[in-house]
């Protein structure tokens, strides 16, 4: 696989789309959590390399943290 740079959630969505995976559960946090699972599945199936896996996971972790902060702020 050619190397992709991951900066945004959109970049990770494009990676998943390459493999026919479209994620939309209706809540951004849930989408991110499912994307974690799907990216891990691609890596375990040797469809993506370790660097791609790690970069995608870093973006997903950051986005998940942002969503959790938003939820905390809303509950105040």
PDB file of N, CA and C in Angstrom:
ATOM      1  N   UNK A   1       0.839  -1.191   0.000  1.00  0.00           N
ATOM      2  CA  UNK A   1       0.000   0.000   0.000  1.00  0.00           C
ATOM      3  C   UNK A   1       0.876   1.244   0.000  1.00  0.00           C
ATOM      4  N   UNK A   2       0.478   2.237  -0.778  1.00  0.00           N
ATOM      5  CA  UNK A   2       1.239   3.472  -0.770  1.00  0.00           C
ATOM      6  C   UNK A   2       0.992   4.188   0.554  1.00  0.00           C
ATOM      7  N   UNK A   3       1.991   4.951   0.956  1.00  0.00           N
ATOM      8  CA  UNK A   3       1.924   5.594   2.262  1.00  0.00           C
ATOM      9  C   UNK A   3       0.949   6.762   2.236  1.00  0.00           C
ATOM     10  N   UNK A   4       0.084   6.790   3.220  1.00  0.00           N
ATOM     11  CA  UNK A   4      -0.863   7.901   3.353  1.00  0.00           C
ATOM     12  C   UNK A   4      -0.487   8.696   4.588  1.00  0.00           C
ATOM     13  N   UNK A   5      -0.666  10.009   4.512  1.00  0.00           N
ATOM     14  CA  UNK A   5      -0.452  10.806   5.717  1.00  0.00           C
ATOM     15  C   UNK A   5      -1.820  11.042   6.350  1.00  0.00           C
ATOM     16  N   UNK A   6      -1.858  10.932   7.641  1.00  0.00           N
ATOM     17  CA  UNK A   6      -3.117  11.084   8.369  1.00  0.00           C
ATOM     18  C   UNK A   6      -3.021  12.293   9.282  1.00  0.00           C
ATOM     19  N   UNK A   7      -3.915  13.229   9.038  1.00  0.00           N
ATOM     20  CA  UNK A   7      -3.980  14.403   9.899  1.00  0.00           C
ATOM     21  C   UNK A   7      -5.375  14.580  10.475  1.00  0.00           C
ATOM     22  N   UNK A   8      -6.365  14.101   9.733  1.00  0.00           N
ATOM     23  CA  UNK A   8      -7.745  14.337  10.138  1.00  0.00           C
ATOM     24  C   UNK A   8      -8.555  13.043  10.113  1.00  0.00           C
ATOM     25  N   UNK A   9      -9.716  13.118  10.708  1.00  0.00           N
ATOM     26  CA  UNK A   9     -10.634  11.984  10.690  1.00  0.00           C
ATOM     27  C   UNK A   9     -11.035  11.663   9.246  1.00  0.00           C
ATOM     28  N   UNK A  10     -11.147  12.681   8.437  1.00  0.00           N
ATOM     29  CA  UNK A  10     -11.481  12.484   7.023  1.00  0.00           C
ATOM     30  C   UNK A  10     -10.438  11.594   6.340  1.00  0.00           C
ATOM     31  N   UNK A  11      -9.164  11.797   6.652  1.00  0.00           N
ATOM     32  CA  UNK A  11      -8.097  10.970   6.069  1.00  0.00           C
ATOM     33  C   UNK A  11      -8.295   9.498   6.424  1.00  0.00           C
ATOM     34  N   UNK A  12      -8.661   9.234   7.664  1.00  0.00           N
ATOM     35  CA  UNK A  12      -8.894   7.850   8.093  1.00  0.00           C
ATOM     36  C   UNK A  12     -10.133   7.292   7.380  1.00  0.00           C
ATOM     37  N   UNK A  13     -11.154   8.124   7.222  1.00  0.00           N
ATOM     38  CA  UNK A  13     -12.351   7.683   6.488  1.00  0.00           C
ATOM     39  C   UNK A  13     -11.991   7.294   5.055  1.00  0.00           C
ATOM     40  N   UNK A  14     -11.097   8.054   4.434  1.00  0.00           N
ATOM     41  CA  UNK A  14     -10.683   7.751   3.056  1.00  0.00           C
ATOM     42  C   UNK A  14      -9.925   6.423   2.982  1.00  0.00           C
ATOM     43  N   UNK A  15      -9.102   6.151   3.996  1.00  0.00           N
ATOM     44  CA  UNK A  15      -8.398   4.867   4.060  1.00  0.00           C
ATOM     45  C   UNK A  15      -9.412   3.725   4.117  1.00  0.00           C
ATOM     46  N   UNK A  16     -10.374   3.832   5.011  1.00  0.00           N
ATOM     47  CA  UNK A  16     -11.374   2.780   5.164  1.00  0.00           C
ATOM     48  C   UNK A  16     -12.203   2.623   3.884  1.00  0.00           C
ATOM     49  N   UNK A  17     -12.502   3.749   3.254  1.00  0.00           N
ATOM     50  CA  UNK A  17     -13.291   3.718   2.022  1.00  0.00           C
ATOM     51  C   UNK A  17     -12.575   2.932   0.921  1.00  0.00           C
ATOM     52  N   UNK A  18     -11.252   3.020   0.890  1.00  0.00           N
ATOM     53  CA  UNK A  18     -10.457   2.255  -0.093  1.00  0.00           C
ATOM     54  C   UNK A  18     -10.732   0.758  -0.005  1.00  0.00           C
ATOM     55  N   UNK A  19     -11.069   0.313   1.205  1.00  0.00           N
ATOM     56  CA  UNK A  19     -11.316  -1.112   1.438  1.00  0.00           C
ATOM     57  C   UNK A  19     -12.804  -1.432   1.548  1.00  0.00           C
ATOM     58  N   UNK A  20     -13.628  -0.484   1.108  1.00  0.00           N
ATOM     59  CA  UNK A  20     -15.066  -0.730   1.072  1.00  0.00           C
ATOM     60  C   UNK A  20     -15.779  -0.584   2.403  1.00  0.00           C
ATOM     61  N   UNK A  21     -15.152   0.093   3.356  1.00  0.00           N
ATOM     62  CA  UNK A  21     -15.763   0.267   4.670  1.00  0.00           C
ATOM     63  C   UNK A  21     -16.235   1.708   4.828  1.00  0.00           C
ATOM     64  N   UNK A  22     -17.536   1.866   5.025  1.00  0.00           N
ATOM     65  CA  UNK A  22     -18.129   3.173   5.244  1.00  0.00           C
ATOM     66  C   UNK A  22     -18.741   3.159   6.641  1.00  0.00           C
ATOM     67  N   UNK A  23     -18.357   4.126   7.461  1.00  0.00           N
ATOM     68  CA  UNK A  23     -18.820   4.157   8.853  1.00  0.00           C
ATOM     69  C   UNK A  23     -19.692   5.384   9.066  1.00  0.00           C
ATOM     70  N   UNK A  24     -20.927   5.147   9.471  1.00  0.00           N
ATOM     71  CA  UNK A  24     -21.811   6.240   9.885  1.00  0.00           C
ATOM     72  C   UNK A  24     -22.869   5.667  10.821  1.00  0.00           C
ATOM     73  N   UNK A  25     -22.641   5.868  12.100  1.00  0.00           N
ATOM     74  CA  UNK A  25     -23.576   5.357  13.103  1.00  0.00           C
ATOM     75  C   UNK A  25     -24.495   6.464  13.620  1.00  0.00           C
ATOM     76  N   UNK A  26     -24.195   7.711  13.254  1.00  0.00           N
ATOM     77  CA  UNK A  26     -25.060   8.806  13.659  1.00  0.00           C
ATOM     78  C   UNK A  26     -24.519   9.634  14.807  1.00  0.00           C
ATOM     79  N   UNK A  27     -23.501   9.144  15.477  1.00  0.00           N
ATOM     80  CA  UNK A  27     -22.867   9.905  16.551  1.00  0.00           C
ATOM     81  C   UNK A  27     -21.366   9.840  16.304  1.00  0.00           C
ATOM     82  N   UNK A  28     -20.723  10.989  16.250  1.00  0.00           N
ATOM     83  CA  UNK A  28     -19.298  11.058  15.887  1.00  0.00           C
ATOM     84  C   UNK A  28     -18.425  10.156  16.759  1.00  0.00           C
ATOM     85  N   UNK A  29     -18.671  10.154  18.054  1.00  0.00           N
ATOM     86  CA  UNK A  29     -17.865   9.334  18.968  1.00  0.00           C
ATOM     87  C   UNK A  29     -17.997   7.850  18.619  1.00  0.00           C
ATOM     88  N   UNK A  30     -19.201   7.411  18.310  1.00  0.00           N
ATOM     89  CA  UNK A  30     -19.405   6.001  17.942  1.00  0.00           C
ATOM     90  C   UNK A  30     -18.714   5.680  16.626  1.00  0.00           C
ATOM     91  N   UNK A  31     -18.771   6.628  15.686  1.00  0.00           N
ATOM     92  CA  UNK A  31     -18.086   6.439  14.404  1.00  0.00           C
ATOM     93  C   UNK A  31     -16.590   6.224  14.626  1.00  0.00           C
ATOM     94  N   UNK A  32     -16.012   7.042  15.486  1.00  0.00           N
ATOM     95  CA  UNK A  32     -14.576   6.947  15.770  1.00  0.00           C
ATOM     96  C   UNK A  32     -14.256   5.595  16.397  1.00  0.00           C
ATOM     97  N   UNK A  33     -15.080   5.157  17.332  1.00  0.00           N
ATOM     98  CA  UNK A  33     -14.843   3.874  17.993  1.00  0.00           C
ATOM     99  C   UNK A  33     -14.912   2.708  17.004  1.00  0.00           C
ATOM    100  N   UNK A  34     -15.867   2.763  16.076  1.00  0.00           N
ATOM    101  CA  UNK A  34     -15.963   1.708  15.066  1.00  0.00           C
ATOM    102  C   UNK A  34     -14.776   1.773  14.098  1.00  0.00           C
ATOM    103  N   UNK A  35     -14.335   2.987  13.790  1.00  0.00           N
ATOM    104  CA  UNK A  35     -13.165   3.131  12.918  1.00  0.00           C
ATOM    105  C   UNK A  35     -11.926   2.507  13.554  1.00  0.00           C
ATOM    106  N   UNK A  36     -11.769   2.655  14.881  1.00  0.00           N
ATOM    107  CA  UNK A  36     -10.675   1.988  15.601  1.00  0.00           C
ATOM    108  C   UNK A  36     -10.685   0.491  15.286  1.00  0.00           C
ATOM    109  N   UNK A  37     -11.851  -0.097  15.434  1.00  0.00           N
ATOM    110  CA  UNK A  37     -12.001  -1.538  15.216  1.00  0.00           C
ATOM    111  C   UNK A  37     -11.675  -1.909  13.774  1.00  0.00           C
ATOM    112  N   UNK A  38     -12.179  -1.141  12.830  1.00  0.00           N
ATOM    113  CA  UNK A  38     -11.971  -1.436  11.412  1.00  0.00           C
ATOM    114  C   UNK A  38     -10.518  -1.273  10.989  1.00  0.00           C
ATOM    115  N   UNK A  39      -9.850  -0.242  11.501  1.00  0.00           N
ATOM    116  CA  UNK A  39      -8.431  -0.036  11.164  1.00  0.00           C
ATOM    117  C   UNK A  39      -7.598  -1.182  11.745  1.00  0.00           C
ATOM    118  N   UNK A  40      -7.929  -1.593  12.953  1.00  0.00           N
ATOM    119  CA  UNK A  40      -7.215  -2.719  13.565  1.00  0.00           C
ATOM    120  C   UNK A  40      -7.423  -4.000  12.753  1.00  0.00           C
ATOM    121  N   UNK A  41      -8.634  -4.191  12.269  1.00  0.00           N
ATOM    122  CA  UNK A  41      -8.939  -5.372  11.453  1.00  0.00           C
ATOM    123  C   UNK A  41      -8.124  -5.360  10.158  1.00  0.00           C
ATOM    124  N   UNK A  42      -8.002  -4.204   9.543  1.00  0.00           N
ATOM    125  CA  UNK A  42      -7.189  -4.093   8.317  1.00  0.00           C
ATOM    126  C   UNK A  42      -5.726  -4.432   8.591  1.00  0.00           C
ATOM    127  N   UNK A  43      -5.221  -3.945   9.724  1.00  0.00           N
ATOM    128  CA  UNK A  43      -3.826  -4.215  10.078  1.00  0.00           C
ATOM    129  C   UNK A  43      -3.614  -5.704  10.363  1.00  0.00           C
ATOM    130  N   UNK A  44      -4.509  -6.281  11.142  1.00  0.00           N
ATOM    131  CA  UNK A  44      -4.383  -7.705  11.492  1.00  0.00           C
ATOM    132  C   UNK A  44      -4.512  -8.600  10.255  1.00  0.00           C
ATOM    133  N   UNK A  45      -5.224  -8.119   9.249  1.00  0.00           N
ATOM    134  CA  UNK A  45      -5.366  -8.867   7.996  1.00  0.00           C
ATOM    135  C   UNK A  45      -4.219  -8.589   7.031  1.00  0.00           C
ATOM    136  N   UNK A  46      -3.255  -7.784   7.500  1.00  0.00           N
ATOM    137  CA  UNK A  46      -2.077  -7.406   6.707  1.00  0.00           C
ATOM    138  C   UNK A  46      -2.435  -6.638   5.435  1.00  0.00           C
ATOM    139  N   UNK A  47      -3.528  -5.889   5.509  1.00  0.00           N
ATOM    140  CA  UNK A  47      -3.941  -5.070   4.360  1.00  0.00           C
ATOM    141  C   UNK A  47      -3.309  -3.677   4.425  1.00  0.00           C
ATOM    142  N   UNK A  48      -2.919  -3.257   5.634  1.00  0.00           N
ATOM    143  CA  UNK A  48      -2.193  -2.002   5.795  1.00  0.00           C
ATOM    144  C   UNK A  48      -0.941  -2.278   6.614  1.00  0.00           C
ATOM    145  N   UNK A  49       0.082  -1.445   6.417  1.00  0.00           N
ATOM    146  CA  UNK A  49       1.333  -1.647   7.150  1.00  0.00           C
ATOM    147  C   UNK A  49       1.273  -1.013   8.544  1.00  0.00           C
ATOM    148  N   UNK A  50       2.287  -1.294   9.331  1.00  0.00           N
ATOM    149  CA  UNK A  50       2.312  -0.846  10.724  1.00  0.00           C
ATOM    150  C   UNK A  50       2.302   0.678  10.838  1.00  0.00           C
ATOM    151  N   UNK A  51       3.057   1.349   9.979  1.00  0.00           N
ATOM    152  CA  UNK A  51       3.115   2.815  10.036  1.00  0.00           C
ATOM    153  C   UNK A  51       1.744   3.420   9.751  1.00  0.00           C
ATOM    154  N   UNK A  52       1.056   2.902   8.755  1.00  0.00           N
ATOM    155  CA  UNK A  52      -0.288   3.379   8.422  1.00  0.00           C
ATOM    156  C   UNK A  52      -1.228   3.135   9.592  1.00  0.00           C
ATOM    157  N   UNK A  53      -1.141   1.947  10.180  1.00  0.00           N
ATOM    158  CA  UNK A  53      -1.977   1.592  11.330  1.00  0.00           C
ATOM    159  C   UNK A  53      -1.749   2.559  12.494  1.00  0.00           C
ATOM    160  N   UNK A  54      -0.490   2.790  12.834  1.00  0.00           N
ATOM    161  CA  UNK A  54      -0.164   3.662  13.970  1.00  0.00           C
ATOM    162  C   UNK A  54      -0.629   5.091  13.706  1.00  0.00           C
ATOM    163  N   UNK A  55      -0.370   5.601  12.507  1.00  0.00           N
ATOM    164  CA  UNK A  55      -0.785   6.973  12.192  1.00  0.00           C
ATOM    165  C   UNK A  55      -2.297   7.131  12.247  1.00  0.00           C
ATOM    166  N   UNK A  56      -3.018   6.158  11.718  1.00  0.00           N
ATOM    167  CA  UNK A  56      -4.483   6.219  11.758  1.00  0.00           C
ATOM    168  C   UNK A  56      -4.982   6.158  13.204  1.00  0.00           C
ATOM    169  N   UNK A  57      -4.371   5.292  14.005  1.00  0.00           N
ATOM    170  CA  UNK A  57      -4.782   5.162  15.405  1.00  0.00           C
ATOM    171  C   UNK A  57      -4.527   6.466  16.173  1.00  0.00           C
ATOM    172  N   UNK A  58      -3.426   7.138  15.893  1.00  0.00           N
ATOM    173  CA  UNK A  58      -3.136   8.408  16.574  1.00  0.00           C
ATOM    174  C   UNK A  58      -4.202   9.456  16.269  1.00  0.00           C
ATOM    175  N   UNK A  59      -4.609   9.538  15.012  1.00  0.00           N
ATOM    176  CA  UNK A  59      -5.663  10.482  14.640  1.00  0.00           C
ATOM    177  C   UNK A  59      -6.964  10.124  15.352  1.00  0.00           C
ATOM    178  N   UNK A  60      -7.305   8.835  15.347  1.00  0.00           N
ATOM    179  CA  UNK A  60      -8.546   8.409  15.986  1.00  0.00           C
ATOM    180  C   UNK A  60      -8.533   8.675  17.486  1.00  0.00           C
ATOM    181  N   UNK A  61      -7.406   8.432  18.141  1.00  0.00           N
ATOM    182  CA  UNK A  61      -7.310   8.708  19.588  1.00  0.00           C
ATOM    183  C   UNK A  61      -7.501  10.189  19.868  1.00  0.00           C
ATOM    184  N   UNK A  62      -6.856  11.033  19.055  1.00  0.00           N
ATOM    185  CA  UNK A  62      -6.989  12.483  19.251  1.00  0.00           C
ATOM    186  C   UNK A  62      -8.442  12.910  19.067  1.00  0.00           C
ATOM    187  N   UNK A  63      -9.070  12.435  18.002  1.00  0.00           N
ATOM    188  CA  UNK A  63     -10.465  12.807  17.729  1.00  0.00           C
ATOM    189  C   UNK A  63     -11.408  12.300  18.830  1.00  0.00           C
ATOM    190  N   UNK A  64     -11.132  11.112  19.332  1.00  0.00           N
ATOM    191  CA  UNK A  64     -11.959  10.545  20.403  1.00  0.00           C
ATOM    192  C   UNK A  64     -11.841  11.399  21.663  1.00  0.00           C
ATOM    193  N   UNK A  65     -10.632  11.818  21.975  1.00  0.00           N
ATOM    194  CA  UNK A  65     -10.391  12.673  23.144  1.00  0.00           C
ATOM    195  C   UNK A  65     -11.152  13.993  22.997  1.00  0.00           C
ATOM    196  N   UNK A  66     -11.129  14.571  21.807  1.00  0.00           N
ATOM    197  CA  UNK A  66     -11.853  15.820  21.545  1.00  0.00           C
ATOM    198  C   UNK A  66     -13.350  15.627  21.781  1.00  0.00           C
ATOM    199  N   UNK A  67     -13.894  14.534  21.298  1.00  0.00           N
ATOM    200  CA  UNK A  67     -15.323  14.258  21.488  1.00  0.00           C
ATOM    201  C   UNK A  67     -15.667  14.077  22.962  1.00  0.00           C
ATOM    202  N   UNK A  68     -14.785  13.407  23.701  1.00  0.00           N
ATOM    203  CA  UNK A  68     -15.043  13.223  25.135  1.00  0.00           C
ATOM    204  C   UNK A  68     -15.012  14.561  25.870  1.00  0.00           C
ATOM    205  N   UNK A  69     -14.107  15.454  25.472  1.00  0.00           N
ATOM    206  CA  UNK A  69     -14.057  16.779  26.087  1.00  0.00           C
ATOM    207  C   UNK A  69     -15.343  17.555  25.796  1.00  0.00           C
ATOM    208  N   UNK A  70     -15.835  17.451  24.577  1.00  0.00           N
ATOM    209  CA  UNK A  70     -17.091  18.134  24.218  1.00  0.00           C
ATOM    210  C   UNK A  70     -18.236  17.617  25.078  1.00  0.00           C
ATOM    211  N   UNK A  71     -18.286  16.299  25.281  1.00  0.00           N
ATOM    212  CA  UNK A  71     -19.343  15.714  26.116  1.00  0.00           C
ATOM    213  C   UNK A  71     -19.254  16.208  27.548  1.00  0.00           C
ATOM    214  N   UNK A  72     -18.021  16.294  28.066  1.00  0.00           N
ATOM    215  CA  UNK A  72     -17.831  16.808  29.431  1.00  0.00           C
ATOM    216  C   UNK A  72     -18.327  18.239  29.544  1.00  0.00           C
ATOM    217  N   UNK A  73     -17.973  19.062  28.547  1.00  0.00           N
ATOM    218  CA  UNK A  73     -18.384  20.472  28.568  1.00  0.00           C
ATOM    219  C   UNK A  73     -19.898  20.610  28.507  1.00  0.00           C
ATOM    220  N   UNK A  74     -20.566  19.755  27.738  1.00  0.00           N
ATOM    221  CA  UNK A  74     -22.022  19.805  27.617  1.00  0.00           C
ATOM    222  C   UNK A  74     -22.714  19.402  28.915  1.00  0.00           C
ATOM    223  N   UNK A  75     -22.080  18.552  29.688  1.00  0.00           N
ATOM    224  CA  UNK A  75     -22.722  18.054  30.912  1.00  0.00           C
ATOM    225  C   UNK A  75     -22.509  18.981  32.104  1.00  0.00           C
ATOM    226  N   UNK A  76     -21.780  20.059  31.917  1.00  0.00           N
ATOM    227  CA  UNK A  76     -21.545  21.004  33.031  1.00  0.00           C
ATOM    228  C   UNK A  76     -22.728  21.905  33.237  1.00  0.00           C
TER     229      UNK A  76
END
